[in-house]
Each structure stands twice: as structure tokens, then as C-alpha cells.
Amino acid sequence: MSGVLIDLFLHCTMLSLLAIGGAIATVPDLHRYVVLERGWLGDVDFSGSVALAQAAPGPNLLFVAVVGYNVAGLPGALSAMAGVLLPSTALTLIVVRWGSRR
């Protein structure tokens, strides 16, 4: 199980740093990884995860947590969300601190 969590975290980290256009732009690559490459979810489960998150109020980013939850339960949701949120947050803090020194 820990291997799944680490793989999910690392892939979400990469998506976070490479995504342009918001979190919803990562859906095709996350689908490729979770469904086609790893086989953790089926097409119907993945599509249902994205649809459920889009129907719920809140940011578009919620689909990552639902996909993570469907892959590995609550630890999967936390791993996926940490992978998506930590890199962009750290990069933002670094840039803000660098900019405030000037």
C-alpha cells in the first residue's frame, strides 16, 4: 500500500509543477496514469470521481482527492492532495520571498 501512496504522491507532484490551465487540465494525464498504466481504477470509476468532484461546490482541485480516495482510501486522498498542493505552494512561497527582498 505504501508503494501506491508514494507513486500517487510523486505523480501528482509532477502534475502540479507541469500543469498550466488549472488542476482540471491534469485530468487526461491522471487518467492515463491511474487507469491505463497502473490499473488502479476503471474508466467508469475514474469518470465518476471527476464528475462527483465537479458537481460538489468548491475548487476544481477536489477531483484529485476523490481519485486518490478511490485508489487508496483516506491515505490516498491525502497523498494525492499533498502531491498537488505542496510543490506549487512551496514554489509560490519561494518566489514571494525572493520578490520581497528586492
PDB file of N, CA and C in Angstrom:
ATOM      1  N   MET A   1       0.815  -1.203   0.000  1.00  0.00           N
ATOM      2  CA  MET A   1       0.000   0.000   0.000  1.00  0.00           C
ATOM      3  C   MET A   1       0.853   1.258   0.000  1.00  0.00           C
ATOM      4  N   SER A   2       1.959   1.252   0.732  1.00  0.00           N
ATOM      5  CA  SER A   2       2.791   2.461   0.780  1.00  0.00           C
ATOM      6  C   SER A   2       3.402   2.770  -0.582  1.00  0.00           C
ATOM      7  N   GLY A   3       3.654   1.730  -1.391  1.00  0.00           N
ATOM      8  CA  GLY A   3       4.166   1.960  -2.737  1.00  0.00           C
ATOM      9  C   GLY A   3       3.166   2.706  -3.601  1.00  0.00           C
ATOM     10  N   VAL A   4       1.882   2.381  -3.440  1.00  0.00           N
ATOM     11  CA  VAL A   4       0.825   3.069  -4.174  1.00  0.00           C
ATOM     12  C   VAL A   4       0.758   4.527  -3.752  1.00  0.00           C
ATOM     13  N   LEU A   5       0.845   4.767  -2.459  1.00  0.00           N
ATOM     14  CA  LEU A   5       0.777   6.140  -1.948  1.00  0.00           C
ATOM     15  C   LEU A   5       1.953   6.975  -2.441  1.00  0.00           C
ATOM     16  N   ILE A   6       3.129   6.392  -2.434  1.00  0.00           N
ATOM     17  CA  ILE A   6       4.312   7.124  -2.902  1.00  0.00           C
ATOM     18  C   ILE A   6       4.207   7.399  -4.394  1.00  0.00           C
ATOM     19  N   ASP A   7       3.805   6.396  -5.171  1.00  0.00           N
ATOM     20  CA  ASP A   7       3.643   6.591  -6.616  1.00  0.00           C
ATOM     21  C   ASP A   7       2.609   7.666  -6.922  1.00  0.00           C
ATOM     22  N   LEU A   8       1.487   7.625  -6.206  1.00  0.00           N
ATOM     23  CA  LEU A   8       0.427   8.612  -6.410  1.00  0.00           C
ATOM     24  C   LEU A   8       0.919  10.006  -6.030  1.00  0.00           C
ATOM     25  N   PHE A   9       1.604  10.113  -4.908  1.00  0.00           N
ATOM     26  CA  PHE A   9       2.149  11.401  -4.470  1.00  0.00           C
ATOM     27  C   PHE A   9       3.134  11.957  -5.503  1.00  0.00           C
ATOM     28  N   LEU A  10       4.055  11.146  -5.971  1.00  0.00           N
ATOM     29  CA  LEU A  10       5.063  11.612  -6.916  1.00  0.00           C
ATOM     30  C   LEU A  10       4.457  12.023  -8.252  1.00  0.00           C
ATOM     31  N   HIS A  11       3.477  11.274  -8.715  1.00  0.00           N
ATOM     32  CA  HIS A  11       2.849  11.645  -9.989  1.00  0.00           C
ATOM     33  C   HIS A  11       2.061  12.940  -9.840  1.00  0.00           C
ATOM     34  N   CYS A  12       1.353  13.101  -8.736  1.00  0.00           N
ATOM     35  CA  CYS A  12       0.607  14.335  -8.512  1.00  0.00           C
ATOM     36  C   CYS A  12       1.551  15.524  -8.336  1.00  0.00           C
ATOM     37  N   THR A  13       2.715  15.277  -7.751  1.00  0.00           N
ATOM     38  CA  THR A  13       3.721  16.337  -7.629  1.00  0.00           C
ATOM     39  C   THR A  13       4.172  16.804  -9.001  1.00  0.00           C
ATOM     40  N   MET A  14       4.451  15.865  -9.879  1.00  0.00           N
ATOM     41  CA  MET A  14       4.863  16.205 -11.233  1.00  0.00           C
ATOM     42  C   MET A  14       3.750  16.958 -11.965  1.00  0.00           C
ATOM     43  N   LEU A  15       2.517  16.505 -11.814  1.00  0.00           N
ATOM     44  CA  LEU A  15       1.403  17.192 -12.460  1.00  0.00           C
ATOM     45  C   LEU A  15       1.240  18.613 -11.940  1.00  0.00           C
ATOM     46  N   SER A  16       1.450  18.792 -10.661  1.00  0.00           N
ATOM     47  CA  SER A  16       1.318  20.115 -10.059  1.00  0.00           C
ATOM     48  C   SER A  16       2.300  21.104 -10.662  1.00  0.00           C
ATOM     49  N   LEU A  17       3.509  20.657 -10.897  1.00  0.00           N
ATOM     50  CA  LEU A  17       4.535  21.556 -11.414  1.00  0.00           C
ATOM     51  C   LEU A  17       4.435  21.768 -12.924  1.00  0.00           C
ATOM     52  N   LEU A  18       3.814  20.844 -13.631  1.00  0.00           N
ATOM     53  CA  LEU A  18       3.743  20.943 -15.083  1.00  0.00           C
ATOM     54  C   LEU A  18       2.408  21.457 -15.611  1.00  0.00           C
ATOM     55  N   ALA A  19       1.390  21.483 -14.777  1.00  0.00           N
ATOM     56  CA  ALA A  19       0.054  21.847 -15.245  1.00  0.00           C
ATOM     57  C   ALA A  19      -0.065  23.340 -15.490  1.00  0.00           C
ATOM     58  N   ILE A  20      -0.613  23.661 -16.640  1.00  0.00           N
ATOM     59  CA  ILE A  20      -0.950  25.044 -16.971  1.00  0.00           C
ATOM     60  C   ILE A  20      -2.417  25.035 -17.341  1.00  0.00           C
ATOM     61  N   GLY A  21      -3.190  25.913 -16.745  1.00  0.00           N
ATOM     62  CA  GLY A  21      -4.615  25.953 -17.033  1.00  0.00           C
ATOM     63  C   GLY A  21      -5.469  25.459 -15.890  1.00  0.00           C
ATOM     64  N   GLY A  22      -4.877  25.300 -14.730  1.00  0.00           N
ATOM     65  CA  GLY A  22      -5.633  24.850 -13.572  1.00  0.00           C
ATOM     66  C   GLY A  22      -5.575  23.353 -13.401  1.00  0.00           C
ATOM     67  N   ALA A  23      -6.068  22.896 -12.289  1.00  0.00           N
ATOM     68  CA  ALA A  23      -5.994  21.479 -11.947  1.00  0.00           C
ATOM     69  C   ALA A  23      -6.777  20.614 -12.919  1.00  0.00           C
ATOM     70  N   ILE A  24      -7.864  21.134 -13.468  1.00  0.00           N
ATOM     71  CA  ILE A  24      -8.697  20.337 -14.366  1.00  0.00           C
ATOM     72  C   ILE A  24      -7.934  19.954 -15.629  1.00  0.00           C
ATOM     73  N   ALA A  25      -6.896  20.679 -15.959  1.00  0.00           N
ATOM     74  CA  ALA A  25      -6.079  20.358 -17.138  1.00  0.00           C
ATOM     75  C   ALA A  25      -5.264  19.082 -16.934  1.00  0.00           C
ATOM     76  N   THR A  26      -5.175  18.610 -15.714  1.00  0.00           N
ATOM     77  CA  THR A  26      -4.396  17.398 -15.435  1.00  0.00           C
ATOM     78  C   THR A  26      -5.224  16.117 -15.547  1.00  0.00           C
ATOM     79  N   VAL A  27      -6.523  16.239 -15.778  1.00  0.00           N
ATOM     80  CA  VAL A  27      -7.395  15.062 -15.833  1.00  0.00           C
ATOM     81  C   VAL A  27      -6.925  14.030 -16.856  1.00  0.00           C
ATOM     82  N   PRO A  28      -6.609  14.423 -18.102  1.00  0.00           N
ATOM     83  CA  PRO A  28      -6.196  13.391 -19.064  1.00  0.00           C
ATOM     84  C   PRO A  28      -4.941  12.629 -18.643  1.00  0.00           C
ATOM     85  N   ASP A  29      -3.955  13.321 -18.113  1.00  0.00           N
ATOM     86  CA  ASP A  29      -2.736  12.624 -17.719  1.00  0.00           C
ATOM     87  C   ASP A  29      -2.959  11.780 -16.466  1.00  0.00           C
ATOM     88  N   LEU A  30      -3.748  12.281 -15.535  1.00  0.00           N
ATOM     89  CA  LEU A  30      -4.058  11.482 -14.350  1.00  0.00           C
ATOM     90  C   LEU A  30      -4.844  10.230 -14.752  1.00  0.00           C
ATOM     91  N   HIS A  31      -5.737  10.363 -15.712  1.00  0.00           N
ATOM     92  CA  HIS A  31      -6.477   9.199 -16.227  1.00  0.00           C
ATOM     93  C   HIS A  31      -5.513   8.196 -16.848  1.00  0.00           C
ATOM     94  N   ARG A  32      -4.604   8.682 -17.663  1.00  0.00           N
ATOM     95  CA  ARG A  32      -3.619   7.800 -18.294  1.00  0.00           C
ATOM     96  C   ARG A  32      -2.845   7.029 -17.240  1.00  0.00           C
ATOM     97  N   TYR A  33      -2.410   7.721 -16.206  1.00  0.00           N
ATOM     98  CA  TYR A  33      -1.579   7.106 -15.177  1.00  0.00           C
ATOM     99  C   TYR A  33      -2.371   6.126 -14.308  1.00  0.00           C
ATOM    100  N   VAL A  34      -3.499   6.588 -13.786  1.00  0.00           N
ATOM    101  CA  VAL A  34      -4.263   5.798 -12.806  1.00  0.00           C
ATOM    102  C   VAL A  34      -5.022   4.641 -13.464  1.00  0.00           C
ATOM    103  N   VAL A  35      -5.578   4.881 -14.653  1.00  0.00           N
ATOM    104  CA  VAL A  35      -6.414   3.857 -15.294  1.00  0.00           C
ATOM    105  C   VAL A  35      -5.609   2.994 -16.259  1.00  0.00           C
ATOM    106  N   LEU A  36      -4.924   3.635 -17.191  1.00  0.00           N
ATOM    107  CA  LEU A  36      -4.275   2.876 -18.262  1.00  0.00           C
ATOM    108  C   LEU A  36      -2.952   2.241 -17.837  1.00  0.00           C
ATOM    109  N   GLU A  37      -2.105   3.004 -17.143  1.00  0.00           N
ATOM    110  CA  GLU A  37      -0.791   2.476 -16.771  1.00  0.00           C
ATOM    111  C   GLU A  37      -0.839   1.591 -15.528  1.00  0.00           C
ATOM    112  N   ARG A  38      -1.461   2.081 -14.472  1.00  0.00           N
ATOM    113  CA  ARG A  38      -1.448   1.370 -13.189  1.00  0.00           C
ATOM    114  C   ARG A  38      -2.638   0.434 -12.989  1.00  0.00           C
ATOM    115  N   GLY A  39      -3.754   0.722 -13.621  1.00  0.00           N
ATOM    116  CA  GLY A  39      -4.938  -0.112 -13.455  1.00  0.00           C
ATOM    117  C   GLY A  39      -5.557  -0.034 -12.069  1.00  0.00           C
ATOM    118  N   TRP A  40      -5.310   1.058 -11.362  1.00  0.00           N
ATOM    119  CA  TRP A  40      -5.858   1.210 -10.019  1.00  0.00           C
ATOM    120  C   TRP A  40      -7.360   1.437 -10.045  1.00  0.00           C
ATOM    121  N   LEU A  41      -7.865   2.096 -11.088  1.00  0.00           N
ATOM    122  CA  LEU A  41      -9.291   2.357 -11.247  1.00  0.00           C
ATOM    123  C   LEU A  41      -9.703   1.999 -12.666  1.00  0.00           C
ATOM    124  N   GLY A  42     -10.977   1.756 -12.854  1.00  0.00           N
ATOM    125  CA  GLY A  42     -11.522   1.566 -14.186  1.00  0.00           C
ATOM    126  C   GLY A  42     -11.980   2.902 -14.761  1.00  0.00           C
ATOM    127  N   ASP A  43     -12.324   2.903 -16.031  1.00  0.00           N
ATOM    128  CA  ASP A  43     -12.795   4.132 -16.678  1.00  0.00           C
ATOM    129  C   ASP A  43     -14.025   4.714 -15.988  1.00  0.00           C
ATOM    130  N   VAL A  44     -14.964   3.844 -15.641  1.00  0.00           N
ATOM    131  CA  VAL A  44     -16.213   4.307 -15.021  1.00  0.00           C
ATOM    132  C   VAL A  44     -15.930   4.921 -13.651  1.00  0.00           C
ATOM    133  N   ASP A  45     -15.089   4.279 -12.859  1.00  0.00           N
ATOM    134  CA  ASP A  45     -14.758   4.802 -11.528  1.00  0.00           C
ATOM    135  C   ASP A  45     -14.034   6.138 -11.630  1.00  0.00           C
ATOM    136  N   PHE A  46     -13.101   6.239 -12.573  1.00  0.00           N
ATOM    137  CA  PHE A  46     -12.368   7.491 -12.729  1.00  0.00           C
ATOM    138  C   PHE A  46     -13.309   8.611 -13.163  1.00  0.00           C
ATOM    139  N   SER A  47     -14.120   8.338 -14.178  1.00  0.00           N
ATOM    140  CA  SER A  47     -15.062   9.360 -14.662  1.00  0.00           C
ATOM    141  C   SER A  47     -16.041   9.759 -13.576  1.00  0.00           C
ATOM    142  N   GLY A  48     -16.505   8.782 -12.799  1.00  0.00           N
ATOM    143  CA  GLY A  48     -17.397   9.086 -11.685  1.00  0.00           C
ATOM    144  C   GLY A  48     -16.733   9.947 -10.627  1.00  0.00           C
ATOM    145  N   SER A  49     -15.454   9.707 -10.383  1.00  0.00           N
ATOM    146  CA  SER A  49     -14.708  10.502  -9.408  1.00  0.00           C
ATOM    147  C   SER A  49     -14.631  11.962  -9.847  1.00  0.00           C
ATOM    148  N   VAL A  50     -14.311  12.177 -11.101  1.00  0.00           N
ATOM    149  CA  VAL A  50     -14.200  13.541 -11.627  1.00  0.00           C
ATOM    150  C   VAL A  50     -15.569  14.212 -11.636  1.00  0.00           C
ATOM    151  N   ALA A  51     -16.597  13.483 -12.062  1.00  0.00           N
ATOM    152  CA  ALA A  51     -17.946  14.043 -12.112  1.00  0.00           C
ATOM    153  C   ALA A  51     -18.449  14.412 -10.718  1.00  0.00           C
ATOM    154  N   LEU A  52     -18.207  13.556  -9.747  1.00  0.00           N
ATOM    155  CA  LEU A  52     -18.637  13.838  -8.376  1.00  0.00           C
ATOM    156  C   LEU A  52     -17.962  15.097  -7.843  1.00  0.00           C
ATOM    157  N   ALA A  53     -16.675  15.210  -8.085  1.00  0.00           N
ATOM    158  CA  ALA A  53     -15.941  16.377  -7.596  1.00  0.00           C
ATOM    159  C   ALA A  53     -16.387  17.646  -8.303  1.00  0.00           C
ATOM    160  N   GLN A  54     -16.721  17.566  -9.580  1.00  0.00           N
ATOM    161  CA  GLN A  54     -17.182  18.738 -10.310  1.00  0.00           C
ATOM    162  C   GLN A  54     -18.590  19.154  -9.881  1.00  0.00           C
ATOM    163  N   ALA A  55     -19.395  18.196  -9.458  1.00  0.00           N
ATOM    164  CA  ALA A  55     -20.754  18.503  -9.010  1.00  0.00           C
ATOM    165  C   ALA A  55     -20.766  19.133  -7.619  1.00  0.00           C
ATOM    166  N   ALA A  56     -19.745  18.848  -6.835  1.00  0.00           N
ATOM    167  CA  ALA A  56     -19.678  19.388  -5.470  1.00  0.00           C
ATOM    168  C   ALA A  56     -19.206  20.839  -5.508  1.00  0.00           C
ATOM    169  N   PRO A  57     -19.691  21.648  -4.575  1.00  0.00           N
ATOM    170  CA  PRO A  57     -19.193  23.024  -4.511  1.00  0.00           C
ATOM    171  C   PRO A  57     -17.737  23.041  -4.054  1.00  0.00           C
ATOM    172  N   GLY A  58     -17.013  24.004  -4.537  1.00  0.00           N
ATOM    173  CA  GLY A  58     -15.617  24.138  -4.144  1.00  0.00           C
ATOM    174  C   GLY A  58     -14.713  24.176  -5.354  1.00  0.00           C
ATOM    175  N   PRO A  59     -13.420  24.155  -5.115  1.00  0.00           N
ATOM    176  CA  PRO A  59     -12.463  24.285  -6.220  1.00  0.00           C
ATOM    177  C   PRO A  59     -12.423  23.032  -7.097  1.00  0.00           C
ATOM    178  N   ASN A  60     -12.001  23.227  -8.346  1.00  0.00           N
ATOM    179  CA  ASN A  60     -11.870  22.115  -9.289  1.00  0.00           C
ATOM    180  C   ASN A  60     -10.858  21.080  -8.820  1.00  0.00           C
ATOM    181  N   LEU A  61      -9.990  21.456  -7.942  1.00  0.00           N
ATOM    182  CA  LEU A  61      -8.923  20.589  -7.456  1.00  0.00           C
ATOM    183  C   LEU A  61      -9.453  19.379  -6.676  1.00  0.00           C
ATOM    184  N   LEU A  62     -10.685  19.420  -6.258  1.00  0.00           N
ATOM    185  CA  LEU A  62     -11.238  18.347  -5.440  1.00  0.00           C
ATOM    186  C   LEU A  62     -11.235  16.992  -6.137  1.00  0.00           C
ATOM    187  N   PHE A  63     -11.221  16.974  -7.475  1.00  0.00           N
ATOM    188  CA  PHE A  63     -11.247  15.684  -8.158  1.00  0.00           C
ATOM    189  C   PHE A  63     -10.008  14.858  -7.833  1.00  0.00           C
ATOM    190  N   VAL A  64      -8.891  15.506  -7.542  1.00  0.00           N
ATOM    191  CA  VAL A  64      -7.664  14.790  -7.202  1.00  0.00           C
ATOM    192  C   VAL A  64      -7.865  14.016  -5.892  1.00  0.00           C
ATOM    193  N   ALA A  65      -8.510  14.633  -4.937  1.00  0.00           N
ATOM    194  CA  ALA A  65      -8.770  13.967  -3.660  1.00  0.00           C
ATOM    195  C   ALA A  65      -9.721  12.785  -3.837  1.00  0.00           C
ATOM    196  N   VAL A  66     -10.743  12.942  -4.675  1.00  0.00           N
ATOM    197  CA  VAL A  66     -11.707  11.857  -4.888  1.00  0.00           C
ATOM    198  C   VAL A  66     -11.039  10.692  -5.612  1.00  0.00           C
ATOM    199  N   VAL A  67     -10.220  10.996  -6.607  1.00  0.00           N
ATOM    200  CA  VAL A  67      -9.489   9.930  -7.305  1.00  0.00           C
ATOM    201  C   VAL A  67      -8.550   9.232  -6.320  1.00  0.00           C
ATOM    202  N   GLY A  68      -7.813   9.994  -5.539  1.00  0.00           N
ATOM    203  CA  GLY A  68      -6.923   9.405  -4.538  1.00  0.00           C
ATOM    204  C   GLY A  68      -7.666   8.549  -3.542  1.00  0.00           C
ATOM    205  N   TYR A  69      -8.846   9.018  -3.123  1.00  0.00           N
ATOM    206  CA  TYR A  69      -9.655   8.244  -2.182  1.00  0.00           C
ATOM    207  C   TYR A  69     -10.098   6.921  -2.804  1.00  0.00           C
ATOM    208  N   ASN A  70     -10.499   6.964  -4.053  1.00  0.00           N
ATOM    209  CA  ASN A  70     -10.947   5.739  -4.724  1.00  0.00           C
ATOM    210  C   ASN A  70      -9.796   4.775  -5.001  1.00  0.00           C
ATOM    211  N   VAL A  71      -8.579   5.292  -5.068  1.00  0.00           N
ATOM    212  CA  VAL A  71      -7.412   4.425  -5.276  1.00  0.00           C
ATOM    213  C   VAL A  71      -6.989   3.770  -3.960  1.00  0.00           C
ATOM    214  N   ALA A  72      -6.877   4.547  -2.878  1.00  0.00           N
ATOM    215  CA  ALA A  72      -6.303   4.014  -1.639  1.00  0.00           C
ATOM    216  C   ALA A  72      -6.960   4.542  -0.375  1.00  0.00           C
ATOM    217  N   GLY A  73      -8.213   4.900  -0.432  1.00  0.00           N
ATOM    218  CA  GLY A  73      -8.902   5.370   0.759  1.00  0.00           C
ATOM    219  C   GLY A  73      -8.416   6.738   1.211  1.00  0.00           C
ATOM    220  N   LEU A  74      -8.607   7.032   2.484  1.00  0.00           N
ATOM    221  CA  LEU A  74      -8.218   8.337   3.028  1.00  0.00           C
ATOM    222  C   LEU A  74      -6.716   8.617   2.863  1.00  0.00           C
ATOM    223  N   PRO A  75      -5.833   7.648   3.086  1.00  0.00           N
ATOM    224  CA  PRO A  75      -4.412   7.923   2.825  1.00  0.00           C
ATOM    225  C   PRO A  75      -4.141   8.286   1.362  1.00  0.00           C
ATOM    226  N   GLY A  76      -4.886   7.688   0.446  1.00  0.00           N
ATOM    227  CA  GLY A  76      -4.732   8.018  -0.971  1.00  0.00           C
ATOM    228  C   GLY A  76      -5.172   9.440  -1.269  1.00  0.00           C
ATOM    229  N   ALA A  77      -6.274   9.861  -0.654  1.00  0.00           N
ATOM    230  CA  ALA A  77      -6.750  11.236  -0.839  1.00  0.00           C
ATOM    231  C   ALA A  77      -5.735  12.232  -0.296  1.00  0.00           C
ATOM    232  N   LEU A  78      -5.196  11.945   0.877  1.00  0.00           N
ATOM    233  CA  LEU A  78      -4.205  12.848   1.472  1.00  0.00           C
ATOM    234  C   LEU A  78      -2.912  12.877   0.654  1.00  0.00           C
ATOM    235  N   SER A  79      -2.497  11.727   0.167  1.00  0.00           N
ATOM    236  CA  SER A  79      -1.282  11.641  -0.638  1.00  0.00           C
ATOM    237  C   SER A  79      -1.433  12.415  -1.944  1.00  0.00           C
ATOM    238  N   ALA A  80      -2.557  12.238  -2.614  1.00  0.00           N
ATOM    239  CA  ALA A  80      -2.785  12.932  -3.886  1.00  0.00           C
ATOM    240  C   ALA A  80      -2.879  14.438  -3.673  1.00  0.00           C
ATOM    241  N   MET A  81      -3.611  14.864  -2.657  1.00  0.00           N
ATOM    242  CA  MET A  81      -3.745  16.302  -2.411  1.00  0.00           C
ATOM    243  C   MET A  81      -2.413  16.923  -1.992  1.00  0.00           C
ATOM    244  N   ALA A  82      -1.655  16.225  -1.165  1.00  0.00           N
ATOM    245  CA  ALA A  82      -0.335  16.746  -0.785  1.00  0.00           C
ATOM    246  C   ALA A  82       0.557  16.860  -2.015  1.00  0.00           C
ATOM    247  N   GLY A  83       0.494  15.878  -2.890  1.00  0.00           N
ATOM    248  CA  GLY A  83       1.293  15.917  -4.104  1.00  0.00           C
ATOM    249  C   GLY A  83       0.941  17.073  -5.002  1.00  0.00           C
ATOM    250  N   VAL A  84      -0.318  17.427  -5.056  1.00  0.00           N
ATOM    251  CA  VAL A  84      -0.745  18.536  -5.909  1.00  0.00           C
ATOM    252  C   VAL A  84      -0.487  19.889  -5.243  1.00  0.00           C
ATOM    253  N   LEU A  85      -0.682  19.972  -3.944  1.00  0.00           N
ATOM    254  CA  LEU A  85      -0.611  21.265  -3.261  1.00  0.00           C
ATOM    255  C   LEU A  85       0.796  21.673  -2.812  1.00  0.00           C
ATOM    256  N   LEU A  86       1.597  20.752  -2.344  1.00  0.00           N
ATOM    257  CA  LEU A  86       2.898  21.119  -1.777  1.00  0.00           C
ATOM    258  C   LEU A  86       3.860  21.777  -2.766  1.00  0.00           C
ATOM    259  N   PRO A  87       4.061  21.235  -3.961  1.00  0.00           N
ATOM    260  CA  PRO A  87       5.042  21.861  -4.857  1.00  0.00           C
ATOM    261  C   PRO A  87       4.661  23.274  -5.287  1.00  0.00           C
ATOM    262  N   SER A  88       3.413  23.464  -5.669  1.00  0.00           N
ATOM    263  CA  SER A  88       3.008  24.798  -6.117  1.00  0.00           C
ATOM    264  C   SER A  88       3.019  25.793  -4.960  1.00  0.00           C
ATOM    265  N   THR A  89       2.655  25.338  -3.778  1.00  0.00           N
ATOM    266  CA  THR A  89       2.695  26.219  -2.608  1.00  0.00           C
ATOM    267  C   THR A  89       4.134  26.600  -2.265  1.00  0.00           C
ATOM    268  N   ALA A  90       5.021  25.629  -2.260  1.00  0.00           N
ATOM    269  CA  ALA A  90       6.433  25.908  -1.965  1.00  0.00           C
ATOM    270  C   ALA A  90       7.031  26.842  -3.004  1.00  0.00           C
ATOM    271  N   LEU A  91       6.730  26.611  -4.276  1.00  0.00           N
ATOM    272  CA  LEU A  91       7.251  27.474  -5.330  1.00  0.00           C
ATOM    273  C   LEU A  91       6.733  28.902  -5.178  1.00  0.00           C
ATOM    274  N   THR A  92       5.459  29.043  -4.836  1.00  0.00           N
ATOM    275  CA  THR A  92       4.873  30.361  -4.624  1.00  0.00           C
ATOM    276  C   THR A  92       5.545  31.071  -3.454  1.00  0.00           C
ATOM    277  N   LEU A  93       5.760  30.371  -2.345  1.00  0.00           N
ATOM    278  CA  LEU A  93       6.421  30.986  -1.187  1.00  0.00           C
ATOM    279  C   LEU A  93       7.846  31.420  -1.515  1.00  0.00           C
ATOM    280  N   ILE A  94       8.556  30.604  -2.262  1.00  0.00           N
ATOM    281  CA  ILE A  94       9.931  30.950  -2.649  1.00  0.00           C
ATOM    282  C   ILE A  94       9.949  32.206  -3.510  1.00  0.00           C
ATOM    283  N   VAL A  95       9.058  32.285  -4.485  1.00  0.00           N
ATOM    284  CA  VAL A  95       9.012  33.438  -5.377  1.00  0.00           C
ATOM    285  C   VAL A  95       8.593  34.705  -4.623  1.00  0.00           C
ATOM    286  N   VAL A  96       7.639  34.589  -3.723  1.00  0.00           N
ATOM    287  CA  VAL A  96       7.202  35.744  -2.943  1.00  0.00           C
ATOM    288  C   VAL A  96       8.332  36.252  -2.047  1.00  0.00           C
ATOM    289  N   ARG A  97       9.043  35.340  -1.400  1.00  0.00           N
ATOM    290  CA  ARG A  97      10.157  35.769  -0.553  1.00  0.00           C
ATOM    291  C   ARG A  97      11.271  36.394  -1.372  1.00  0.00           C
ATOM    292  N   TRP A  98      11.541  35.819  -2.529  1.00  0.00           N
ATOM    293  CA  TRP A  98      12.569  36.381  -3.411  1.00  0.00           C
ATOM    294  C   TRP A  98      12.142  37.760  -3.892  1.00  0.00           C
ATOM    295  N   GLY A  99      10.872  37.906  -4.247  1.00  0.00           N
ATOM    296  CA  GLY A  99      10.370  39.193  -4.727  1.00  0.00           C
ATOM    297  C   GLY A  99      10.340  40.255  -3.641  1.00  0.00           C
ATOM    298  N   SER A 100      10.097  39.879  -2.402  1.00  0.00           N
ATOM    299  CA  SER A 100      10.019  40.863  -1.323  1.00  0.00           C
ATOM    300  C   SER A 100      11.416  41.360  -0.906  1.00  0.00           C
ATOM    301  N   ARG A 101      12.443  40.646  -1.270  1.00  0.00           N
ATOM    302  CA  ARG A 101      13.811  41.081  -0.949  1.00  0.00           C
ATOM    303  C   ARG A 101      14.287  42.181  -1.883  1.00  0.00           C
ATOM    304  N   ARG A 102      13.668  42.314  -2.993  1.00  0.00           N
ATOM    305  CA  ARG A 102      14.115  43.296  -3.999  1.00  0.00           C
ATOM    306  C   ARG A 102      13.611  44.649  -3.685  1.00  0.00           C
TER     307      ARG A 102
END
